[in-house]
C-alpha cells in the first residue's frame, strides 16, 4: 500500500478520465448514435433525389399555370394520347416482366439445381450481375446492330437462309422489338434475385419427397413452386417496375415512334408537346404511383416469403 498522496491523486484522475470515455455505460444521444451517423449519407441521398423530387411533382400536379390549386392536370391525364401511352407502357412492362421471370427462373433452376458444374453457375451469375445493369444507349445500339434492318443477324438470315425477319412482320422499333430489348436486362435481373430463394429450398424437402415416392414433377407442384410462389410474385412486381420506369433504352431505340409514357414525359419536359408543366408533373406522378405500387407488392410479398426460406 502506497503512502504517496501524488499516486492516489493520479489514480483518481485516471479513473475519472476513463469513466468519461464512451463505453459500456455510455449512452449516445438518440440523434448522434453511431449507427445513424453511418446511414446519414444514404438518408441525405434519398431526401435529395427521391423524397424532394416526388414532393415537387406531387405539388405541381395540382397547380395550374397561374399557381392556383386545380384538379385539371389530373383530369387531363385521361386524354386518349396519354391513356394510350400508359396502356402501351403497362403492356411492355408486363410482357417483359412475365417472359423475363419465366426464362430467368428456368435458367436459375438449371444452374443451381440442375447438376451443372459449379464453375458454370459462377459464370452465369457473374454475367447476370453485369447484364442486369446494361441498359440505355449501349443496349439500344447493340440491338440495332444485331436485329436492325441492316443488323448482323438480319443480314445473315437473309443471305444464308433467305429469311427476312422484317418481311415476316418483325420490327425492332415496335412493341415486341422493345420488349425483346428489355429482356436483355430483365432475364439476368430475375436470375440474380431468385437465386437466393432457390438456394433456400432445403435438400431435406427433396429427400423427404423421394422417400415418400414423389416424382420430381410432384415435388415442384406441391412443394417447390408453392414455397417459391410468393418470391416469384414479388420479383415479377419488381421486374414490372424496372421496365415501366426505363426511358434511356426506349428513347435511344425507338425515338418517338413508340408512344410510351417515359418518352411522352421526356417530350413534355423538353417542351415538344402539350406545353403544360402541371400536366407533365401529373404524368410523372402517375408513373411514380404505379411504380411505387409494384414495389410495395414486392416488399410485402418478399417479407412474407422469407419465413419459408430461413
Protein backbone atom coordinates (compact mmCIF):
# COMPACT_ATOMS: atom_id res chain seq x y z
CA UNK A 1 0.00 0.00 0.00
CA UNK A 2 1.49 3.32 -1.05
CA UNK A 3 1.52 6.39 1.19
CA UNK A 4 2.42 8.76 -1.60
CA UNK A 5 -0.51 11.23 -1.99
CA UNK A 6 0.51 12.05 -5.54
CA UNK A 7 -0.06 8.43 -6.56
CA UNK A 8 -3.57 8.43 -5.14
CA UNK A 9 -4.35 11.67 -6.88
CA UNK A 10 -3.12 10.32 -10.20
CA UNK A 11 -5.14 7.15 -9.78
CA UNK A 12 -8.35 9.07 -9.06
CA UNK A 13 -7.89 11.38 -12.00
CA UNK A 14 -7.20 8.43 -14.31
CA UNK A 15 -10.31 6.58 -13.20
CA UNK A 16 -12.35 9.74 -13.72
CA UNK A 17 -10.98 10.15 -17.22
CA UNK A 18 -11.77 6.54 -18.11
CA UNK A 19 -15.33 6.91 -16.93
CA UNK A 20 -15.94 9.65 -19.45
CA UNK A 21 -14.83 7.53 -22.39
CA UNK A 22 -17.81 6.14 -24.38
CA UNK A 23 -18.13 2.53 -23.45
CA UNK A 24 -20.47 0.03 -21.98
CA UNK A 25 -22.03 2.51 -19.60
CA UNK A 26 -22.11 5.38 -22.08
CA UNK A 27 -25.35 6.36 -23.77
CA UNK A 28 -25.25 8.34 -27.01
CA UNK A 29 -27.94 10.94 -27.67
CA UNK A 30 -30.53 9.42 -29.97
CA UNK A 31 -29.68 11.75 -32.85
CA UNK A 32 -25.92 11.07 -32.52
CA UNK A 33 -25.90 7.28 -32.38
CA UNK A 34 -23.00 5.84 -34.46
CA UNK A 35 -25.29 3.58 -36.49
CA UNK A 36 -27.42 6.59 -37.50
CA UNK A 37 -24.34 8.60 -38.43
CA UNK A 38 -23.27 5.72 -40.67
CA UNK A 39 -26.51 5.79 -42.71
CA UNK A 40 -26.65 9.59 -42.88
CA UNK A 41 -25.26 9.73 -46.46
CA UNK A 42 -27.98 7.33 -47.62
CA UNK A 43 -30.69 9.33 -45.85
CA UNK A 44 -29.45 12.57 -47.41
CA UNK A 45 -29.27 10.92 -50.83
CA UNK A 46 -32.84 9.63 -50.52
CA UNK A 47 -34.11 13.03 -49.38
CA UNK A 48 -32.37 14.90 -52.20
CA UNK A 49 -33.12 12.57 -55.10
CA UNK A 50 -36.28 10.71 -54.05
CA UNK A 51 -38.36 12.50 -51.44
CA UNK A 52 -37.77 16.08 -52.62
CA UNK A 53 -38.44 15.44 -56.36
CA UNK A 54 -41.51 13.33 -55.57
CA UNK A 55 -42.88 16.05 -53.29
CA UNK A 56 -42.21 18.63 -56.01
CA UNK A 57 -44.10 16.55 -58.57
CA UNK A 58 -47.00 16.00 -56.19
CA UNK A 59 -47.37 19.73 -55.50
CA UNK A 60 -47.01 20.79 -59.16
CA UNK A 61 -49.50 18.17 -60.32
CA UNK A 62 -52.24 20.16 -58.55
CA UNK A 63 -51.13 23.65 -59.63
CA UNK A 64 -52.14 25.41 -62.84
CA UNK A 65 -50.10 27.89 -64.88
CA UNK A 66 -51.22 30.73 -62.61
CA UNK A 67 -50.13 28.97 -59.44
CA UNK A 68 -53.68 28.14 -58.37
CA UNK A 69 -54.83 24.81 -56.97
CA UNK A 70 -56.57 22.67 -59.58
CA UNK A 71 -57.55 19.11 -60.45
CA UNK A 72 -57.33 19.96 -64.16
CA UNK A 73 -53.94 18.32 -64.60
CA UNK A 74 -55.20 15.03 -63.15
CA UNK A 75 -58.31 15.17 -65.34
CA UNK A 76 -56.13 15.86 -68.39
CA UNK A 77 -54.36 12.54 -67.87
CA UNK A 78 -57.43 10.85 -69.33
CA UNK A 79 -56.76 12.25 -72.78
CA UNK A 80 -56.66 9.46 -75.41
CA UNK A 81 -53.00 10.13 -76.25
CA UNK A 82 -51.85 9.93 -72.63
CA UNK A 83 -54.04 6.94 -71.74
CA UNK A 84 -52.70 5.13 -74.81
CA UNK A 85 -49.13 5.84 -73.67
CA UNK A 86 -49.86 4.45 -70.22
CA UNK A 87 -51.50 1.36 -71.71
CA UNK A 88 -48.57 0.63 -74.04
CA UNK A 89 -46.10 1.12 -71.19
CA UNK A 90 -48.06 -1.26 -68.96
CA UNK A 91 -48.22 -3.87 -71.74
CA UNK A 92 -44.50 -3.66 -72.49
CA UNK A 93 -43.64 -3.83 -68.79
CA UNK A 94 -46.00 -6.75 -68.19
CA UNK A 95 -44.78 -8.72 -71.20
CA UNK A 96 -41.09 -8.21 -70.47
CA UNK A 97 -41.61 -8.98 -66.76
CA UNK A 98 -43.61 -12.16 -67.45
CA UNK A 99 -41.23 -13.55 -70.08
CA UNK A 100 -38.18 -12.44 -68.11
CA UNK A 101 -39.50 -14.11 -64.95
CA UNK A 102 -40.22 -17.43 -66.69
CA UNK A 103 -36.95 -17.60 -68.61
CA UNK A 104 -34.91 -16.33 -65.66
CA UNK A 105 -36.50 -18.91 -63.35
CA UNK A 106 -35.69 -21.70 -65.81
CA UNK A 107 -32.06 -20.57 -66.07
CA UNK A 108 -31.69 -20.24 -62.30
CA UNK A 109 -33.15 -23.70 -61.68
CA UNK A 110 -30.85 -25.19 -64.32
CA UNK A 111 -27.63 -23.72 -62.91
CA UNK A 112 -28.49 -24.16 -59.22
CA UNK A 113 -30.40 -27.47 -59.00
CA UNK A 114 -29.71 -28.95 -62.41
CA UNK A 115 -26.45 -30.64 -61.50
CA UNK A 116 -24.29 -28.41 -63.69
CA UNK A 117 -20.63 -27.77 -62.74
CA UNK A 118 -20.10 -25.11 -60.08
CA UNK A 119 -17.94 -23.09 -62.46
CA UNK A 120 -20.85 -22.82 -64.88
CA UNK A 121 -23.04 -21.37 -62.14
CA UNK A 122 -20.37 -18.82 -61.25
CA UNK A 123 -20.11 -17.71 -64.89
CA UNK A 124 -23.89 -17.36 -65.26
CA UNK A 125 -24.26 -15.41 -62.01
CA UNK A 126 -21.38 -13.10 -62.91
CA UNK A 127 -22.83 -12.41 -66.36
CA UNK A 128 -26.29 -11.84 -64.86
CA UNK A 129 -24.92 -9.31 -62.40
CA UNK A 130 -23.32 -7.36 -65.24
CA UNK A 131 -26.10 -7.71 -67.82
CA UNK A 132 -28.84 -6.67 -65.37
CA UNK A 133 -27.24 -3.20 -65.28
CA UNK A 134 -26.57 -2.97 -69.02
CA UNK A 135 -29.14 -0.59 -70.48
CA UNK A 136 -29.54 2.78 -72.14
CA UNK A 137 -27.84 3.87 -75.37
CA UNK A 138 -25.27 1.00 -75.46
CA UNK A 139 -28.03 -1.62 -75.22
CA UNK A 140 -30.14 0.11 -77.88
CA UNK A 141 -27.14 0.31 -80.22
CA UNK A 142 -26.33 -3.37 -79.62
CA UNK A 143 -29.84 -4.45 -80.65
CA UNK A 144 -29.94 -2.13 -83.66
CA UNK A 145 -26.57 -3.51 -84.79
CA UNK A 146 -27.86 -7.05 -84.30
CA UNK A 147 -31.55 -7.01 -85.25
CA UNK A 148 -31.94 -3.72 -87.11
CA UNK A 149 -32.81 -3.66 -90.81
CA UNK A 150 -29.08 -3.85 -91.57
CA UNK A 151 -28.15 -5.70 -88.40
CA UNK A 152 -25.76 -8.64 -88.36
CA UNK A 153 -28.36 -11.32 -87.59
CA UNK A 154 -30.87 -9.80 -90.03
CA UNK A 155 -28.35 -9.81 -92.88
CA UNK A 156 -27.08 -13.32 -92.09
CA UNK A 157 -30.60 -14.78 -92.01
CA UNK A 158 -31.46 -13.08 -95.27
CA UNK A 159 -28.21 -14.10 -97.01
CA UNK A 160 -27.71 -17.64 -95.74
CA UNK A 161 -31.28 -18.83 -95.17
CA UNK A 162 -33.27 -16.44 -97.35
CA UNK A 163 -35.48 -15.43 -94.41
CA UNK A 164 -36.25 -11.74 -93.99
CA UNK A 165 -37.50 -11.13 -90.46
CA UNK A 166 -38.85 -7.71 -91.42
CA UNK A 167 -40.93 -9.12 -94.26
CA UNK A 168 -42.39 -11.58 -91.77
CA UNK A 169 -43.63 -8.70 -89.61
CA UNK A 170 -40.86 -8.18 -87.06
CA UNK A 171 -39.72 -4.62 -86.35
CA UNK A 172 -37.15 -3.66 -83.73
CA UNK A 173 -38.93 -0.31 -83.33
CA UNK A 174 -42.25 -1.93 -82.40
CA UNK A 175 -43.88 -3.25 -79.24
CA UNK A 176 -42.23 -6.66 -79.46
CA UNK A 177 -38.91 -5.14 -80.51
CA UNK A 178 -38.82 -3.03 -77.34
CA UNK A 179 -39.99 -5.98 -75.24
CA UNK A 180 -37.21 -8.15 -76.66
CA UNK A 181 -34.66 -5.44 -75.88
CA UNK A 182 -35.89 -5.14 -72.30
CA UNK A 183 -35.48 -8.90 -71.85
CA UNK A 184 -31.72 -8.46 -72.08
CA UNK A 185 -31.66 -6.94 -68.59
CA UNK A 186 -34.91 -8.41 -67.26
CA UNK A 187 -33.82 -12.05 -67.51
CA UNK A 188 -30.45 -11.55 -65.74
CA UNK A 189 -32.14 -9.47 -63.04
CA UNK A 190 -34.58 -12.34 -62.43
CA UNK A 191 -31.68 -14.80 -62.16
CA UNK A 192 -29.86 -12.63 -59.62
CA UNK A 193 -32.94 -12.06 -57.44
CA UNK A 194 -34.45 -15.54 -57.49
CA UNK A 195 -31.17 -17.44 -56.96
CA UNK A 196 -31.14 -16.96 -53.14
CA UNK A 197 -34.75 -18.17 -52.96
CA UNK A 198 -33.89 -21.36 -54.86
CA UNK A 199 -30.87 -21.87 -52.61
CA UNK A 200 -33.28 -21.61 -49.68
CA UNK A 201 -35.16 -24.74 -50.76
CA UNK A 202 -33.91 -27.29 -48.25
CA UNK A 203 -32.39 -30.51 -49.51
CA UNK A 204 -34.32 -32.32 -46.79
CA UNK A 205 -37.57 -31.48 -48.57
CA UNK A 206 -36.34 -33.15 -51.75
CA UNK A 207 -35.12 -36.18 -49.84
CA UNK A 208 -38.43 -36.46 -47.96
CA UNK A 209 -40.35 -36.29 -51.23
CA UNK A 210 -38.15 -39.01 -52.74
CA UNK A 211 -38.63 -41.18 -49.66
CA UNK A 212 -42.40 -40.87 -49.96
CA UNK A 213 -42.24 -41.86 -53.62
CA UNK A 214 -43.00 -38.45 -55.12
CA UNK A 215 -41.74 -37.73 -58.62
CA UNK A 216 -39.71 -34.64 -59.50
CA UNK A 217 -42.80 -33.06 -61.06
CA UNK A 218 -44.87 -33.73 -57.95
CA UNK A 219 -42.18 -32.20 -55.75
CA UNK A 220 -42.21 -28.95 -57.72
CA UNK A 221 -46.00 -28.92 -57.96
CA UNK A 222 -46.76 -29.48 -54.28
CA UNK A 223 -43.62 -28.21 -52.52
CA UNK A 224 -41.15 -26.24 -54.64
CA UNK A 225 -43.39 -23.85 -56.54
CA UNK A 226 -45.79 -23.16 -53.61
CA UNK A 227 -42.78 -22.17 -51.48
CA UNK A 228 -41.25 -20.08 -54.28
CA UNK A 229 -44.54 -18.56 -55.42
CA UNK A 230 -44.54 -15.51 -53.09
CA UNK A 231 -40.96 -14.75 -54.07
CA UNK A 232 -41.79 -15.16 -57.76
CA UNK A 233 -44.77 -12.83 -57.48
CA UNK A 234 -42.69 -10.22 -55.68
CA UNK A 235 -39.88 -10.48 -58.24
CA UNK A 236 -42.38 -10.13 -61.07
CA UNK A 237 -43.60 -6.88 -59.50
CA UNK A 238 -40.01 -5.65 -59.28
CA UNK A 239 -39.36 -6.51 -62.94
CA UNK A 240 -42.55 -4.69 -63.92
CA UNK A 241 -41.46 -1.56 -62.07
CA UNK A 242 -37.97 -1.83 -63.55
CA UNK A 243 -39.33 -1.86 -67.11
CA UNK A 244 -42.06 0.72 -66.51
CA UNK A 245 -39.59 3.39 -65.43
CA UNK A 246 -36.98 2.73 -68.14
CA UNK A 247 -36.55 5.56 -70.64
CA UNK A 248 -32.97 5.69 -71.92
CA UNK A 249 -33.17 2.35 -73.73
CA UNK A 250 -36.63 3.03 -75.17
CA UNK A 251 -35.80 6.55 -76.34
CA UNK A 252 -32.44 5.56 -77.86
CA UNK A 253 -34.03 2.58 -79.62
CA UNK A 254 -37.38 3.89 -80.87
CA UNK A 255 -37.14 7.67 -80.51
CA UNK A 256 -40.71 8.97 -80.75
CA UNK A 257 -42.01 6.11 -82.91
CA UNK A 258 -43.42 4.25 -79.91
CA UNK A 259 -45.74 6.24 -77.67
CA UNK A 260 -44.89 5.12 -74.13
CA UNK A 261 -45.19 7.24 -71.00
CA UNK A 262 -41.46 7.86 -70.33
CA UNK A 263 -40.92 9.11 -73.90
CA UNK A 264 -44.07 11.25 -73.81
CA UNK A 265 -42.97 12.67 -70.45
CA UNK A 266 -39.49 13.38 -71.79
CA UNK A 267 -41.01 15.26 -74.72
CA UNK A 268 -43.18 17.20 -72.28
CA UNK A 269 -40.17 18.20 -70.20
CA UNK A 270 -38.37 19.43 -73.32
CA UNK A 271 -41.48 21.37 -74.32
CA UNK A 272 -42.09 19.50 -77.57
CA UNK A 273 -45.76 18.70 -76.88
CA UNK A 274 -48.66 19.69 -74.64
CA UNK A 275 -46.74 22.72 -73.22
CA UNK A 276 -48.16 22.33 -69.72
CA UNK A 277 -45.71 21.89 -66.82
CA UNK A 278 -48.51 20.88 -64.49
CA UNK A 279 -49.64 18.13 -66.85
CA UNK A 280 -46.05 16.89 -67.09
CA UNK A 281 -45.88 16.69 -63.30
CA UNK A 282 -49.20 14.83 -63.25
CA UNK A 283 -47.86 12.30 -65.78
CA UNK A 284 -44.73 11.80 -63.69
CA UNK A 285 -46.83 11.43 -60.55
CA UNK A 286 -48.88 8.73 -62.27
CA UNK A 287 -45.69 6.85 -63.10
CA UNK A 288 -44.47 7.21 -59.51
CA UNK A 289 -47.74 5.80 -58.15
CA UNK A 290 -47.71 2.79 -60.49
CA UNK A 291 -44.04 2.07 -59.81
CA UNK A 292 -44.47 2.52 -56.05
CA UNK A 293 -47.46 0.16 -56.07
CA UNK A 294 -45.42 -2.52 -57.84
CA UNK A 295 -42.51 -2.07 -55.41
CA UNK A 296 -44.81 -2.24 -52.38
CA UNK A 297 -46.17 -5.56 -53.65
CA UNK A 298 -42.60 -6.81 -54.00
CA UNK A 299 -41.62 -5.74 -50.46
CA UNK A 300 -44.74 -7.14 -48.81
CA UNK A 301 -44.67 -10.46 -50.64
CA UNK A 302 -40.89 -10.84 -50.22
CA UNK A 303 -41.18 -10.30 -46.47
CA UNK A 304 -43.86 -12.98 -46.15
CA UNK A 305 -41.84 -15.38 -48.30
CA UNK A 306 -38.68 -15.12 -46.22
CA UNK A 307 -40.17 -17.14 -43.35
CA UNK A 308 -40.17 -20.24 -45.57
CA UNK A 309 -36.57 -19.77 -46.65
CA UNK A 310 -34.88 -19.38 -43.26
